[in-house]
N, C-alpha and C. Protein backbone atom coordinates (compact mmCIF):
# COMPACT_ATOMS: atom_id res chain seq x y z
N UNK A 1 0.77 15.92 -11.55
CA UNK A 1 1.20 14.82 -10.21
C UNK A 1 -0.24 15.12 -9.32
N UNK A 2 -0.97 14.25 -8.74
CA UNK A 2 -2.08 14.65 -8.10
C UNK A 2 -1.80 15.31 -6.77
N UNK A 3 -2.59 16.01 -6.08
CA UNK A 3 -2.00 16.85 -4.99
C UNK A 3 -1.72 15.89 -3.79
N UNK A 4 -1.07 16.04 -2.73
CA UNK A 4 -1.01 14.93 -1.67
C UNK A 4 -2.33 16.23 -0.77
N UNK A 5 -2.93 15.99 0.10
CA UNK A 5 -3.61 16.34 1.13
C UNK A 5 -3.28 16.30 2.63
N UNK A 6 -2.93 16.98 3.38
CA UNK A 6 -2.46 17.01 4.91
C UNK A 6 -3.21 17.65 5.66
N UNK A 7 -2.97 17.51 6.82
CA UNK A 7 -3.92 18.47 7.75
C UNK A 7 -3.98 19.81 7.63
N UNK A 8 -2.82 20.25 6.73
CA UNK A 8 -2.49 21.82 6.84
C UNK A 8 -3.15 22.41 5.51
N UNK A 9 -3.83 21.26 4.66
CA UNK A 9 -4.54 21.90 3.69
C UNK A 9 -5.95 21.08 3.50
N UNK A 10 -6.24 20.88 4.64
CA UNK A 10 -7.76 20.16 4.60
C UNK A 10 -8.53 21.40 4.55
N UNK A 11 -9.71 21.11 3.79
CA UNK A 11 -10.93 22.19 3.96
C UNK A 11 -11.44 21.75 5.72
N UNK A 12 -11.95 22.76 6.38
CA UNK A 12 -12.50 22.65 7.63
C UNK A 12 -13.74 22.11 7.62
N UNK A 13 -14.38 21.88 6.48
CA UNK A 13 -15.63 20.84 6.40
C UNK A 13 -15.34 19.54 6.12
N UNK A 14 -13.77 19.11 5.74
CA UNK A 14 -14.07 18.05 5.42
C UNK A 14 -13.14 17.07 7.00
N UNK A 15 -12.94 18.09 8.01
CA UNK A 15 -12.12 17.47 8.93
C UNK A 15 -12.99 16.39 10.00
N UNK A 16 -14.21 16.79 10.07
CA UNK A 16 -14.70 15.77 11.26
C UNK A 16 -15.17 14.71 10.23
N UNK A 17 -15.68 14.25 8.85
CA UNK A 17 -16.01 13.09 8.49
C UNK A 17 -14.62 12.53 8.20
N UNK A 18 -13.50 12.91 7.98
CA UNK A 18 -12.04 12.35 8.25
C UNK A 18 -11.80 11.45 9.29
N UNK A 19 -12.14 12.44 10.38
CA UNK A 19 -11.69 11.62 11.78
C UNK A 19 -12.90 10.82 12.11
N UNK A 20 -13.95 10.75 11.80
CA UNK A 20 -14.88 9.58 11.87
C UNK A 20 -14.56 8.40 11.18
N UNK A 21 -14.03 8.83 9.72
CA UNK A 21 -13.57 7.48 9.29
C UNK A 21 -12.31 6.76 10.06
N UNK A 22 -11.50 7.30 10.64
CA UNK A 22 -10.63 6.53 11.66
C UNK A 22 -11.24 6.00 12.64
N UNK A 23 -12.36 6.41 13.57
CA UNK A 23 -13.21 5.88 14.30
C UNK A 23 -13.80 4.69 13.87
N UNK A 24 -14.22 4.66 12.46
CA UNK A 24 -14.88 3.57 11.76
C UNK A 24 -13.82 2.59 11.55
N UNK A 25 -12.52 2.97 11.14
CA UNK A 25 -11.67 1.77 11.11
C UNK A 25 -11.27 0.86 12.65
N UNK A 26 -11.26 2.02 13.71
CA UNK A 26 -10.92 1.30 14.77
C UNK A 26 -12.60 0.26 14.76
N UNK A 27 -13.78 0.80 14.87
CA UNK A 27 -14.71 -0.11 15.02
C UNK A 27 -14.53 -1.36 14.23
N UNK A 28 -13.87 -1.49 13.00
CA UNK A 28 -13.64 -2.40 12.13
C UNK A 28 -12.98 -3.52 12.66
N UNK A 29 -11.89 -3.27 13.59
CA UNK A 29 -10.83 -4.04 13.87
C UNK A 29 -10.76 -4.19 15.47
N UNK A 30 -12.10 -4.89 15.85
CA UNK A 30 -12.41 -4.76 17.18
C UNK A 30 -11.11 -5.94 17.80
N UNK A 31 -10.59 -7.11 17.02
CA UNK A 31 -9.32 -8.06 17.80
C UNK A 31 -8.27 -7.00 18.05
N UNK A 32 -8.13 -6.21 16.75
CA UNK A 32 -6.61 -5.58 16.98
C UNK A 32 -6.64 -4.23 18.21
N UNK A 33 -7.96 -3.77 18.47
CA UNK A 33 -8.08 -2.81 19.04
C UNK A 33 -8.20 -3.42 20.32
N UNK A 34 -8.81 -4.54 20.66
CA UNK A 34 -8.36 -5.02 21.91
C UNK A 34 -7.25 -5.41 22.56
N UNK A 35 -6.35 -5.96 21.29
CA UNK A 35 -4.98 -6.12 21.66
C UNK A 35 -4.24 -5.03 22.02
N UNK A 36 -4.39 -3.77 21.67
CA UNK A 36 -4.11 -2.71 22.10
C UNK A 36 -4.21 -2.29 23.83
N UNK A 37 -5.61 -2.74 23.96
CA UNK A 37 -5.80 -2.27 25.23
C UNK A 37 -5.26 -3.20 26.40
N UNK A 38 -5.14 -4.64 26.08
CA UNK A 38 -4.55 -5.83 26.53
C UNK A 38 -3.02 -5.10 26.81
N UNK A 39 -2.50 -5.08 25.82
CA UNK A 39 -0.98 -4.33 25.73
C UNK A 39 -0.62 -3.40 26.65
N UNK A 40 -1.47 -2.33 26.41
CA UNK A 40 -1.69 -0.91 27.19
C UNK A 40 -1.76 -1.36 28.86
N UNK A 41 -2.83 -1.95 28.99
CA UNK A 41 -2.86 -2.58 30.40
C UNK A 41 -1.74 -3.19 30.77
N UNK A 42 -0.80 -4.07 30.23
CA UNK A 42 0.43 -4.52 30.66
C UNK A 42 1.59 -3.65 30.87
N UNK A 43 1.68 -2.59 29.70
CA UNK A 43 2.71 -1.39 29.93
C UNK A 43 2.35 -0.55 31.50
N UNK A 44 1.00 -0.75 31.46
CA UNK A 44 0.73 0.34 32.89
C UNK A 44 1.21 -0.01 34.18
N UNK A 45 0.98 -1.97 33.91
CA UNK A 45 1.17 -2.55 35.53
C UNK A 45 2.84 -2.49 35.17
N UNK A 46 3.44 -2.80 34.53
CA UNK A 46 5.37 -2.74 34.32
C UNK A 46 5.78 -1.60 34.65
N UNK A 47 5.09 -0.48 34.26
CA UNK A 47 5.52 0.79 34.53
C UNK A 47 4.77 1.90 34.61
N UNK A 48 4.39 1.68 35.85
CA UNK A 48 3.37 2.67 36.58
C UNK A 48 3.68 4.18 36.68
N UNK A 49 2.78 4.88 35.86
CA UNK A 49 3.27 6.37 35.82
C UNK A 49 3.45 6.90 36.99
N UNK A 50 2.72 6.56 38.31
CA UNK A 50 2.86 7.32 39.52
C UNK A 50 4.62 7.32 40.03
N UNK A 51 5.42 6.50 39.19
CA UNK A 51 6.60 6.67 39.43
C UNK A 51 7.24 7.49 38.39
N UNK A 52 8.17 8.93 38.82
CA UNK A 52 8.51 9.46 38.11
C UNK A 52 9.23 8.87 37.08
N UNK A 53 10.14 8.03 37.10
CA UNK A 53 11.32 7.49 35.86
C UNK A 53 10.12 6.96 34.98
N UNK A 54 8.95 6.66 35.38
CA UNK A 54 7.89 5.89 34.34
C UNK A 54 7.02 6.90 33.29
N UNK A 55 7.34 7.93 34.09
CA UNK A 55 5.92 9.13 33.23
C UNK A 55 6.33 9.12 31.97
N UNK A 56 7.63 9.33 31.37
CA UNK A 56 7.89 9.28 30.37
C UNK A 56 7.79 8.10 29.46
N UNK A 57 8.37 6.98 30.15
CA UNK A 57 8.78 6.03 29.55
C UNK A 57 7.25 4.88 29.25
N UNK A 58 6.35 5.19 29.94
CA UNK A 58 5.01 4.48 29.48
C UNK A 58 4.06 5.02 28.28
N UNK A 59 4.47 6.59 28.19
CA UNK A 59 3.91 7.18 27.30
C UNK A 59 4.47 6.60 26.11
N UNK A 60 5.80 6.87 25.94
CA UNK A 60 6.66 6.31 24.89
C UNK A 60 6.22 4.85 24.27
N UNK A 61 6.12 3.87 24.98
CA UNK A 61 5.91 2.43 24.71
C UNK A 61 4.61 2.64 24.06
N UNK A 62 3.41 3.00 24.76
CA UNK A 62 2.16 2.92 24.14
C UNK A 62 2.36 3.83 22.82
N UNK A 63 2.86 4.91 22.92
CA UNK A 63 2.97 5.31 21.58
C UNK A 63 3.63 4.82 20.20
N UNK A 64 4.70 3.49 20.37
CA UNK A 64 5.19 2.74 19.36
C UNK A 64 4.05 1.82 19.65
N UNK A 65 3.19 1.36 20.47
CA UNK A 65 2.15 0.40 20.05
C UNK A 65 1.21 0.74 19.30
N UNK A 66 0.76 1.94 19.62
CA UNK A 66 -0.21 2.21 18.51
C UNK A 66 0.27 2.98 17.19
N UNK A 67 1.53 2.95 16.84
CA UNK A 67 1.96 3.29 15.77
C UNK A 67 1.90 1.75 14.81
N UNK A 68 2.50 0.90 15.55
CA UNK A 68 2.58 -0.33 14.84
C UNK A 68 1.74 -0.83 14.64
N UNK A 69 0.17 -0.95 15.42
CA UNK A 69 -1.22 -1.52 15.00
C UNK A 69 -1.74 -0.40 14.17
N UNK A 70 -1.56 1.00 13.93
CA UNK A 70 -2.09 1.62 12.87
C UNK A 70 -1.21 1.45 11.55
N UNK A 71 0.13 0.85 11.45
CA UNK A 71 0.80 0.59 10.49
C UNK A 71 -0.41 -0.57 9.66
N UNK A 72 -1.11 -1.43 10.87
CA UNK A 72 -1.57 -2.53 10.08
C UNK A 72 -2.96 -2.62 9.39
N UNK A 73 -3.64 -1.39 10.42
CA UNK A 73 -4.85 -1.36 10.16
C UNK A 73 -5.06 0.28 9.04
N UNK A 74 -4.33 0.98 9.00
CA UNK A 74 -4.54 2.15 8.04
C UNK A 74 -3.42 1.74 6.53
N UNK A 75 -3.55 2.38 5.44
CA UNK A 75 -2.72 1.88 4.58
C UNK A 75 -1.04 2.07 4.69
N UNK A 76 -0.66 2.95 5.85
CA UNK A 76 0.63 2.92 6.14
C UNK A 76 0.44 3.89 7.73
N UNK A 77 1.49 3.80 8.23
CA UNK A 77 1.53 4.46 9.79
C UNK A 77 3.02 4.57 9.68
N UNK A 78 3.67 5.56 9.69
CA UNK A 78 5.08 5.99 9.76
C UNK A 78 5.20 6.76 11.22
N UNK A 79 6.48 6.32 11.73
CA UNK A 79 6.94 6.70 13.17
C UNK A 79 8.04 7.80 13.00
N UNK A 80 7.68 9.21 12.93
CA UNK A 80 8.47 10.58 12.61
C UNK A 80 9.18 10.85 13.18
N UNK A 81 9.58 10.15 14.60
CA UNK A 81 10.42 10.19 15.43
C UNK A 81 11.95 9.65 14.58
N UNK A 82 11.44 8.45 13.86
CA UNK A 82 12.82 7.69 13.21
C UNK A 82 13.26 8.42 11.80
N UNK A 83 12.40 9.53 11.15
CA UNK A 83 12.82 10.23 10.08
C UNK A 83 13.60 11.69 10.68
N UNK A 84 13.49 12.05 11.89
CA UNK A 84 13.81 13.32 12.44
C UNK A 84 15.32 13.40 12.54
N UNK A 85 15.92 14.38 11.90
CA UNK A 85 17.90 14.46 12.31
C UNK A 85 17.81 14.88 13.97
N UNK A 86 16.95 15.59 14.29
CA UNK A 86 17.12 15.97 15.79
C UNK A 86 16.75 14.63 16.93
N UNK A 87 15.99 13.46 16.10
CA UNK A 87 15.78 12.43 17.22
C UNK A 87 14.28 12.66 17.63
N UNK A 88 13.95 14.04 17.71
CA UNK A 88 12.34 13.67 18.13
C UNK A 88 11.64 14.99 17.30
N UNK A 89 10.54 14.61 17.10
CA UNK A 89 9.62 15.43 15.68
C UNK A 89 9.15 16.37 16.70
N UNK A 90 8.86 17.88 16.47
CA UNK A 90 8.64 18.38 17.25
C UNK A 90 7.22 18.85 18.05
N UNK A 91 5.92 18.31 17.21
CA UNK A 91 4.73 18.36 17.33
C UNK A 91 3.96 17.02 17.46
N UNK A 92 4.21 16.20 16.03
CA UNK A 92 3.66 15.14 15.74
C UNK A 92 4.59 13.60 16.14
N UNK A 93 3.81 12.68 15.99
CA UNK A 93 4.42 11.50 16.36
C UNK A 93 4.51 10.46 15.36
N UNK A 94 3.36 10.46 14.43
CA UNK A 94 3.29 9.62 13.28
C UNK A 94 2.49 10.12 11.92
N UNK A 95 2.72 9.61 10.96
CA UNK A 95 1.75 10.34 9.88
C UNK A 95 1.08 9.01 9.26
N UNK A 96 0.12 9.07 9.14
CA UNK A 96 -1.20 7.99 8.99
C UNK A 96 -1.69 8.13 7.58
N UNK A 97 -1.07 7.52 6.58
CA UNK A 97 -1.63 7.37 5.06
C UNK A 97 -3.05 6.58 5.02
N UNK A 98 -4.15 7.59 5.10
CA UNK A 98 -5.15 7.16 4.87
C UNK A 98 -5.87 6.79 3.91
N UNK A 99 -5.59 7.59 2.63
CA UNK A 99 -5.75 7.17 1.51
C UNK A 99 -4.28 7.69 0.56
N UNK A 100 -3.95 6.99 -0.70
CA UNK A 100 -3.14 7.06 -1.51
C UNK A 100 -2.91 8.97 -1.37
N UNK A 101 -3.47 9.58 -1.68
CA UNK A 101 -3.42 10.97 -1.67
C UNK A 101 -3.88 12.05 -0.45
N UNK A 102 -3.99 11.14 0.84
CA UNK A 102 -4.49 11.90 2.14
C UNK A 102 -3.49 11.36 3.16
N UNK A 103 -2.55 12.14 3.59
CA UNK A 103 -1.44 11.96 4.77
C UNK A 103 -1.97 12.65 5.69
N UNK A 104 -2.02 12.51 6.96
CA UNK A 104 -2.15 13.08 7.77
C UNK A 104 -1.47 12.87 9.24
N UNK A 105 -0.49 13.91 9.76
CA UNK A 105 -0.01 14.14 10.99
C UNK A 105 -0.44 13.73 12.18
N UNK A 106 -0.07 12.92 13.13
CA UNK A 106 -0.86 13.02 14.51
C UNK A 106 0.26 12.90 15.72
N UNK A 107 -0.31 13.64 16.58
CA UNK A 107 0.35 13.41 18.14
C UNK A 107 -0.44 12.49 18.92
N UNK A 108 0.70 11.86 19.83
CA UNK A 108 -0.23 10.65 20.23
C UNK A 108 0.20 10.80 21.70
N UNK A 109 -0.85 10.90 22.78
CA UNK A 109 -0.96 10.59 23.97
C UNK A 109 -1.45 9.67 24.80
N UNK A 110 -1.09 9.29 26.03
CA UNK A 110 -1.57 8.18 26.31
C UNK A 110 -1.92 8.87 28.39
N UNK A 111 -3.06 8.65 28.79
CA UNK A 111 -3.06 8.82 29.93
C UNK A 111 -3.70 7.71 30.78
N UNK A 112 -3.61 7.57 31.82
CA UNK A 112 -4.45 6.37 32.68
C UNK A 112 -5.86 6.85 33.17
N UNK A 113 -6.00 8.02 33.34
CA UNK A 113 -7.33 8.59 33.49
C UNK A 113 -7.51 9.75 32.84
N UNK A 114 -8.81 10.00 32.69
CA UNK A 114 -9.54 11.25 31.92
C UNK A 114 -9.22 12.66 32.93
N UNK A 115 -8.18 12.57 33.98
CA UNK A 115 -7.98 13.37 34.63
C UNK A 115 -6.80 14.19 34.39
N UNK A 116 -6.24 15.63 34.68
CA UNK A 116 -5.17 16.19 34.33
C UNK A 116 -5.15 16.39 32.87
N UNK A 117 -4.47 17.70 32.74
CA UNK A 117 -4.13 18.25 31.59
C UNK A 117 -3.27 17.40 30.59
N UNK A 118 -3.79 17.57 29.17
CA UNK A 118 -2.64 16.86 28.21
C UNK A 118 -1.81 17.56 27.77
N UNK A 119 -0.56 17.56 27.80
CA UNK A 119 0.62 18.55 27.50
C UNK A 119 0.89 17.84 25.85
N UNK A 120 0.66 19.17 25.13
CA UNK A 120 0.85 18.77 23.55
C UNK A 120 2.39 19.50 23.04
N UNK A 121 2.70 20.50 24.05
CA UNK A 121 3.79 21.25 23.19
C UNK A 121 4.57 21.42 24.80
N UNK A 122 5.97 20.97 24.87
CA UNK A 122 6.90 21.38 25.73
C UNK A 122 7.79 22.28 25.25
N UNK A 123 7.56 23.48 25.77
CA UNK A 123 8.46 24.58 24.96
C UNK A 123 10.10 24.52 25.47
N UNK A 124 10.75 25.36 24.63
CA UNK A 124 12.24 25.47 25.43
C UNK A 124 12.54 26.86 26.01
N UNK A 125 11.21 27.47 25.61
CA UNK A 125 11.38 28.99 26.06
C UNK A 125 9.88 29.67 26.01
N UNK A 126 9.76 31.44 25.85
CA UNK A 126 8.78 31.97 26.39
C UNK A 126 7.86 32.10 24.69
N UNK A 127 8.41 31.83 23.91
CA UNK A 127 8.14 31.68 22.34
C UNK A 127 6.72 31.46 22.13
N UNK A 128 5.47 31.92 21.58
CA UNK A 128 4.24 31.41 21.38
C UNK A 128 4.75 30.36 20.11
N UNK A 129 3.87 29.22 20.66
CA UNK A 129 3.97 28.14 19.61
C UNK A 129 2.17 27.83 19.42
N UNK A 130 1.95 27.77 18.33
CA UNK A 130 0.61 27.89 17.68
C UNK A 130 0.47 26.36 17.46
N UNK A 131 -0.82 25.61 17.90
CA UNK A 131 -1.06 24.46 17.73
C UNK A 131 -1.83 24.40 16.13
N UNK A 132 -2.41 25.25 15.51
CA UNK A 132 -2.94 25.45 14.47
C UNK A 132 -3.63 24.37 14.05
N UNK A 133 -3.16 23.57 13.23
CA UNK A 133 -4.10 22.09 12.62
C UNK A 133 -3.55 20.83 13.39
N UNK A 134 -3.26 20.86 14.24
CA UNK A 134 -2.81 19.83 15.11
C UNK A 134 -3.73 18.93 15.28
N UNK A 135 -3.41 17.46 15.13
CA UNK A 135 -4.35 16.46 15.32
C UNK A 135 -4.06 15.45 16.53
N UNK A 136 -4.66 15.34 17.92
CA UNK A 136 -4.02 14.73 18.55
C UNK A 136 -4.97 13.08 18.86
N UNK A 137 -4.32 12.26 19.29
CA UNK A 137 -5.10 11.21 19.50
C UNK A 137 -4.93 11.01 21.21
N UNK A 138 -5.70 10.62 21.78
CA UNK A 138 -5.54 10.46 23.28
C UNK A 138 -6.01 9.17 23.62
N UNK A 139 -5.30 8.18 23.82
CA UNK A 139 -5.90 6.93 24.58
C UNK A 139 -5.72 7.08 26.07
N UNK A 140 -7.31 6.88 26.31
CA UNK A 140 -7.03 6.64 28.07
C UNK A 140 -7.48 5.56 28.47
N UNK A 141 -6.58 4.88 29.40
CA UNK A 141 -6.15 3.47 29.76
C UNK A 141 -7.51 3.00 30.52
N UNK A 142 -7.79 3.47 31.49
CA UNK A 142 -8.69 2.96 32.16
C UNK A 142 -10.38 3.08 31.86
N UNK A 143 -10.47 4.18 30.92
CA UNK A 143 -11.54 4.33 30.24
C UNK A 143 -11.79 3.69 28.97
N UNK A 144 -10.91 2.90 28.64
CA UNK A 144 -10.81 2.07 27.35
C UNK A 144 -11.38 2.78 26.25
N UNK A 145 -10.78 4.30 26.17
CA UNK A 145 -11.48 4.96 25.28
C UNK A 145 -10.23 5.49 24.32
N UNK A 146 -10.45 6.12 23.16
CA UNK A 146 -9.41 6.54 22.24
C UNK A 146 -10.52 7.79 21.53
N UNK A 147 -9.43 8.97 22.07
CA UNK A 147 -10.15 10.34 21.52
C UNK A 147 -9.49 10.77 20.23
N UNK A 148 -10.16 11.18 19.48
CA UNK A 148 -9.35 11.99 17.95
C UNK A 148 -9.78 13.29 18.17
N UNK A 149 -8.88 14.22 18.61
CA UNK A 149 -9.11 15.57 18.62
C UNK A 149 -8.37 16.47 17.64
N UNK A 150 -9.00 16.97 16.34
CA UNK A 150 -8.67 17.96 15.72
C UNK A 150 -8.22 19.50 16.15
N UNK A 151 -7.51 19.99 16.35
CA UNK A 151 -7.54 21.41 17.23
C UNK A 151 -8.38 22.43 16.66
N UNK A 152 -8.71 22.17 15.34
CA UNK A 152 -9.47 23.08 14.81
C UNK A 152 -10.63 23.37 15.15
N UNK A 153 -11.31 22.23 15.80
CA UNK A 153 -12.55 22.35 16.60
C UNK A 153 -12.76 22.61 17.90
N UNK A 154 -11.36 22.86 18.60
CA UNK A 154 -11.29 23.07 20.32
C UNK A 154 -11.46 24.41 20.25
N UNK A 155 -12.19 25.07 20.97
CA UNK A 155 -12.47 26.10 21.40
C UNK A 155 -11.46 26.77 22.19
N UNK A 156 -11.14 27.94 22.32
CA UNK A 156 -9.87 28.27 23.09
C UNK A 156 -9.96 28.16 24.44
N UNK A 157 -11.02 28.24 25.10
CA UNK A 157 -11.12 28.35 26.51
C UNK A 157 -10.73 26.72 26.93
N UNK A 158 -10.70 26.03 26.24
CA UNK A 158 -10.05 24.59 26.55
C UNK A 158 -8.24 24.62 26.13
N UNK A 159 -7.77 25.32 25.98
CA UNK A 159 -6.27 25.18 25.91
C UNK A 159 -5.64 26.40 26.56
N UNK A 160 -4.50 25.90 27.57
CA UNK A 160 -3.62 26.63 28.35
C UNK A 160 -2.59 26.74 27.93
N UNK A 161 -2.13 27.90 27.65
CA UNK A 161 -0.34 28.12 27.54
C UNK A 161 0.20 28.85 28.67
N UNK A 162 1.58 28.39 29.10
CA UNK A 162 2.40 28.94 29.62
C UNK A 162 3.88 29.22 29.27
N UNK A 163 4.46 29.68 30.00
CA UNK A 163 6.23 29.54 29.31
C UNK A 163 6.65 28.63 29.31
N UNK A 164 6.30 27.48 29.70
CA UNK A 164 6.95 26.05 29.43
C UNK A 164 6.25 25.18 28.67
N UNK A 165 4.78 25.31 28.63
CA UNK A 165 4.55 24.40 27.80
C UNK A 165 2.37 24.72 27.27
N UNK A 166 2.35 24.02 25.97
CA UNK A 166 1.07 24.29 25.79
C UNK A 166 0.08 23.13 26.36
N UNK A 167 -1.03 23.06 26.62
CA UNK A 167 -1.77 21.94 27.13
C UNK A 167 -3.41 22.15 26.64
N UNK A 168 -3.98 20.92 26.63
CA UNK A 168 -5.60 21.03 26.66
C UNK A 168 -5.83 20.91 28.00
N UNK A 169 -6.94 21.45 28.63
CA UNK A 169 -7.40 21.22 29.87
C UNK A 169 -8.03 19.70 30.14
N UNK A 170 -8.13 19.45 31.15
CA UNK A 170 -8.84 17.99 31.35
C UNK A 170 -10.48 18.31 30.90
N UNK A 171 -11.06 19.30 31.04
CA UNK A 171 -12.09 19.52 30.81
C UNK A 171 -12.70 19.23 29.14
N UNK A 172 -11.73 19.13 28.60
CA UNK A 172 -11.77 18.88 27.09
C UNK A 172 -12.44 17.67 26.77
N UNK A 173 -12.35 16.79 27.88
CA UNK A 173 -12.92 15.34 27.40
C UNK A 173 -14.70 15.17 27.71
N UNK A 174 -14.85 16.07 28.73
CA UNK A 174 -16.03 16.16 28.48
C UNK A 174 -16.97 17.22 27.41
N UNK A 175 -16.28 18.21 27.08
CA UNK A 175 -16.32 18.80 26.09
C UNK A 175 -16.72 18.02 24.99
N UNK A 176 -15.69 16.94 24.80
CA UNK A 176 -15.71 15.96 23.59
C UNK A 176 -17.07 15.26 23.66
N UNK A 177 -17.21 14.66 25.01
CA UNK A 177 -18.54 13.49 25.22
C UNK A 177 -19.89 14.54 24.62
N UNK A 178 -19.71 15.83 25.06
CA UNK A 178 -21.29 16.69 25.16
C UNK A 178 -21.23 16.82 23.68
N UNK A 179 -20.45 17.26 22.77
CA UNK A 179 -20.46 17.85 21.54
C UNK A 179 -20.06 16.88 20.39
N UNK A 180 -18.92 16.04 20.59
CA UNK A 180 -18.31 15.30 19.29
C UNK A 180 -18.11 13.83 20.06
N UNK A 181 -19.19 13.17 20.45
CA UNK A 181 -18.73 11.76 20.68
C UNK A 181 -18.83 11.03 19.45
N UNK A 182 -18.90 11.28 18.10
CA UNK A 182 -18.39 10.71 16.85
C UNK A 182 -17.26 10.83 16.86
N UNK A 183 -16.40 11.26 17.62
CA UNK A 183 -14.87 11.25 17.61
C UNK A 183 -14.13 10.47 18.54
N UNK A 184 -14.88 9.74 19.59
CA UNK A 184 -14.48 9.11 20.45
C UNK A 184 -14.65 7.27 20.26
N UNK A 185 -13.91 6.72 20.27
CA UNK A 185 -13.65 5.22 20.25
C UNK A 185 -13.77 4.89 21.85
N UNK A 186 -14.48 3.82 21.88
CA UNK A 186 -14.96 3.02 23.03
C UNK A 186 -14.94 1.36 22.80
N UNK A 187 -13.96 1.05 23.65
CA UNK A 187 -13.49 -0.65 23.39
C UNK A 187 -14.73 -1.28 23.58
N UNK A 188 -14.97 -2.35 22.44
CA UNK A 188 -15.98 -3.57 22.56
C UNK A 188 -15.00 -4.43 23.02
N UNK A 189 -15.59 -5.11 24.67
CA UNK A 189 -14.64 -5.81 24.74
C UNK A 189 -14.64 -7.29 24.31
N UNK A 190 -13.82 -8.02 23.74
CA UNK A 190 -13.69 -9.70 23.50
C UNK A 190 -13.50 -10.65 24.65
N UNK A 191 -13.58 -11.91 24.22
CA UNK A 191 -13.44 -12.69 25.52
C UNK A 191 -12.14 -12.61 25.84
N UNK A 192 -11.02 -12.60 24.74
CA UNK A 192 -9.53 -12.55 25.08
C UNK A 192 -9.20 -11.18 26.23
N UNK A 193 -9.78 -10.24 25.80
CA UNK A 193 -9.59 -9.07 26.89
C UNK A 193 -10.53 -9.41 28.14
N UNK A 194 -11.40 -10.13 28.17
CA UNK A 194 -12.20 -10.12 29.42
C UNK A 194 -11.37 -11.57 30.34
N UNK A 195 -10.74 -12.41 29.55
CA UNK A 195 -10.05 -13.43 30.41
C UNK A 195 -8.94 -12.69 30.66
N UNK A 196 -8.06 -11.80 30.20
CA UNK A 196 -6.88 -11.23 30.58
C UNK A 196 -7.39 -10.24 31.81
N UNK A 197 -8.28 -9.63 31.77
CA UNK A 197 -8.47 -8.83 32.95
C UNK A 197 -9.19 -9.55 34.39
N UNK A 198 -9.76 -10.60 34.11
CA UNK A 198 -10.03 -11.57 35.19
C UNK A 198 -9.36 -12.37 35.47
N UNK A 199 -8.11 -12.89 34.78
CA UNK A 199 -7.41 -14.10 35.27
C UNK A 199 -5.76 -13.62 35.02
N UNK A 200 -5.45 -12.36 34.77
CA UNK A 200 -3.80 -12.31 34.42
C UNK A 200 -3.54 -10.88 35.09
N UNK A 201 -4.28 -9.92 34.80
CA UNK A 201 -4.21 -8.53 35.32
C UNK A 201 -3.34 -8.54 36.36
N UNK A 202 -4.35 -8.49 37.78
CA UNK A 202 -3.67 -8.49 38.87
C UNK A 202 -2.44 -9.24 38.69
N UNK A 203 -1.94 -10.02 38.15
CA UNK A 203 -0.72 -10.94 38.83
C UNK A 203 0.54 -10.21 38.17
N UNK A 204 0.24 -9.27 37.07
CA UNK A 204 1.65 -8.58 36.70
C UNK A 204 2.37 -7.73 37.22
N UNK A 205 3.53 -8.03 37.45
CA UNK A 205 4.49 -7.22 38.31
C UNK A 205 5.13 -5.88 38.04
N UNK A 206 5.69 -4.57 38.91
CA UNK A 206 6.20 -3.68 38.14
C UNK A 206 7.77 -4.14 37.48
N UNK A 207 8.19 -3.55 36.63
CA UNK A 207 9.59 -3.62 36.05
C UNK A 207 10.29 -2.55 36.63
N UNK A 208 11.71 -2.88 36.86
CA UNK A 208 12.69 -1.91 36.77
C UNK A 208 13.27 -1.69 35.49
N UNK A 209 13.02 -1.19 34.51
CA UNK A 209 13.70 -0.96 33.36
C UNK A 209 15.58 -0.50 33.49
N UNK A 210 15.49 0.38 34.45
CA UNK A 210 16.60 1.17 34.46
C UNK A 210 17.52 0.13 35.10
N UNK A 211 17.42 -0.86 36.18
CA UNK A 211 18.62 -1.41 36.42
C UNK A 211 18.93 -2.49 35.21
N UNK A 212 17.95 -2.88 34.34
CA UNK A 212 18.35 -3.76 33.20
C UNK A 212 18.95 -2.94 32.47
N UNK A 213 18.92 -1.91 32.05
CA UNK A 213 19.60 -1.11 30.91
C UNK A 213 20.87 -0.91 31.32
N UNK A 214 21.35 -0.75 33.09
CA UNK A 214 22.53 -0.35 33.71
C UNK A 214 23.11 -1.58 33.75
N UNK A 215 22.64 -2.89 33.65
CA UNK A 215 23.58 -3.95 34.08
C UNK A 215 24.02 -4.69 32.08
N UNK A 216 23.05 -4.06 30.95
CA UNK A 216 23.65 -4.09 29.75
C UNK A 216 24.77 -3.21 29.95
N UNK A 217 24.71 -2.00 30.24
CA UNK A 217 25.77 -0.83 30.37
C UNK A 217 27.44 -1.46 30.83
N UNK A 218 27.29 -2.37 32.01
CA UNK A 218 28.24 -2.58 32.84
C UNK A 218 28.78 -3.65 31.75
N UNK A 219 28.23 -4.81 31.12
CA UNK A 219 28.58 -5.34 30.03
C UNK A 219 29.79 -4.53 28.99
N UNK A 220 28.98 -3.59 28.48
CA UNK A 220 29.61 -2.72 27.35
C UNK A 220 30.77 -2.08 28.32
N UNK A 221 30.83 -1.63 29.50
CA UNK A 221 31.91 -1.07 29.92
C UNK A 221 33.08 -1.96 30.18
N UNK A 222 33.04 -3.09 30.58
CA UNK A 222 33.89 -4.42 30.76
C UNK A 222 34.65 -4.39 29.07
N UNK A 223 34.08 -3.69 28.40
CA UNK A 223 34.72 -4.04 26.62
C UNK A 223 35.88 -3.03 26.55
N UNK A 224 35.71 -2.02 27.36
CA UNK A 224 36.73 -0.56 27.08
C UNK A 224 38.10 -0.97 27.95
């Protein structure tokens, strides 16, 4: 049986070329990438992260959006949370099958701006958590960019660890632009995206998903 290659057993020299193939795939799928950013901007307006109750919600929605599109543009993309008995995978959010024998796990993060640190791991205690071979995909909404970040190429000075979490410092964005621009996807806007931004975006209103969920629960309460 042929060996399956994962982020755990990749040779260091293979990491950058494989990440470049991901950026290449993004660039091949212009219309789908525009769909990602249109829907991401809609999520941003519906659930603005400046409200505390939306900070977790909008990130999860964008994560699910990316997994669904990645399942189209790559051989396969699996939502790891759906496979986890605990209900939440520890570090990674999805597994992308790039080739039949190349299966890589990824953490997915969404940010409105390229400011502020990127939380990679929320720790339950002071135990050390090694990032190791972690690969993170960071979508920055208003920049209209996606960064593919293999931890093995990141100098330690860009990593911040405290008793509660492990983060990449926000300066990592400048580091990547200066040294690894080949790992950054920039949206090439199509007509649909331009029309959306010019005609529709400003008219989208915030939603209160919690009121809706509570009303649904009230219907269930009545059955008891």
